Amino acid sequence: MRLIATMGASGIDKKHKYIIDNKVYESELSFMALAKAYNIEDIIVIGTSKSEEKITSILESHQN
């Protein structure tokens, strides 16, 4: 399954709670909560140039 997500730079400086199928997932990025809930590894992110640096930083921190 592939997830295509769009992103801006606002609101990603802290974690948010997302409820998916009655389970709570915490993430700075809504698409990461969806990916975790549905075990999606193939993610395409379409973002602004301003959001690219922040998104990359968050994704790298989740890989460690």
Protein backbone atom coordinates (compact mmCIF):
# COMPACT_ATOMS: atom_id res chain seq x y z
CA MET A 1 0.00 0.00 0.00
CA ARG A 2 1.24 3.48 -0.82
CA LEU A 3 0.40 6.62 1.16
CA ILE A 4 0.55 10.02 -0.53
CA ALA A 5 0.61 12.90 1.97
CA THR A 6 0.66 16.66 1.61
CA MET A 7 2.41 18.83 4.15
CA GLY A 8 2.90 22.41 5.19
CA ALA A 9 5.29 23.59 7.88
CA SER A 10 2.81 24.70 10.53
CA GLY A 11 1.97 22.61 13.55
CA ILE A 12 4.76 20.05 13.26
CA ASP A 13 6.89 21.27 16.14
CA LYS A 14 5.10 19.07 18.68
CA LYS A 15 3.39 15.70 18.81
CA HIS A 16 -0.35 15.41 18.35
CA LYS A 17 -2.72 12.56 19.20
CA TYR A 18 -4.50 10.96 16.26
CA ILE A 19 -7.27 8.40 16.75
CA ILE A 20 -7.41 5.79 14.01
CA ASP A 21 -9.70 2.78 14.33
CA ASN A 22 -10.21 3.58 18.04
CA LYS A 23 -6.45 3.50 18.77
CA VAL A 24 -4.37 6.55 19.69
CA TYR A 25 -1.19 7.31 17.78
CA GLU A 26 1.15 10.16 18.72
CA SER A 27 3.23 11.87 16.06
CA GLU A 28 4.27 15.27 14.81
CA LEU A 29 2.98 14.24 11.38
CA SER A 30 -0.50 12.95 10.64
CA PHE A 31 0.72 10.76 7.79
CA MET A 32 3.19 9.02 10.14
CA ALA A 33 0.29 8.09 12.42
CA LEU A 34 -1.57 6.67 9.41
CA ALA A 35 1.54 4.80 8.27
CA LYS A 36 2.00 3.26 11.71
CA ALA A 37 -1.67 2.33 12.04
CA TYR A 38 -1.77 0.59 8.67
CA ASN A 39 1.86 -0.64 8.47
CA ILE A 40 2.60 1.49 5.41
CA GLU A 41 6.25 1.79 4.43
CA ASP A 42 5.84 3.32 0.97
CA ILE A 43 5.17 7.00 1.61
CA ILE A 44 5.33 9.87 -0.86
CA VAL A 45 5.34 13.30 0.78
CA ILE A 46 4.48 16.42 -1.16
CA GLY A 47 5.45 19.50 0.79
CA THR A 48 6.52 23.09 0.60
CA SER A 49 10.18 24.01 0.44
CA LYS A 50 9.78 25.48 3.93
CA SER A 51 8.43 22.23 5.35
CA GLU A 52 11.01 19.95 3.71
CA GLU A 53 13.75 20.55 6.28
CA LYS A 54 11.43 20.01 9.26
CA ILE A 55 9.85 16.90 7.77
CA THR A 56 13.25 15.40 6.94
CA SER A 57 14.46 16.03 10.48
CA ILE A 58 11.39 14.36 12.01
CA LEU A 59 11.58 11.36 9.69
CA GLU A 60 15.29 10.86 10.44
CA SER A 61 14.63 10.97 14.20
CA HIS A 62 12.02 8.19 13.82
CA GLN A 63 14.49 5.96 11.97
CA ASN A 64 16.94 5.88 14.91
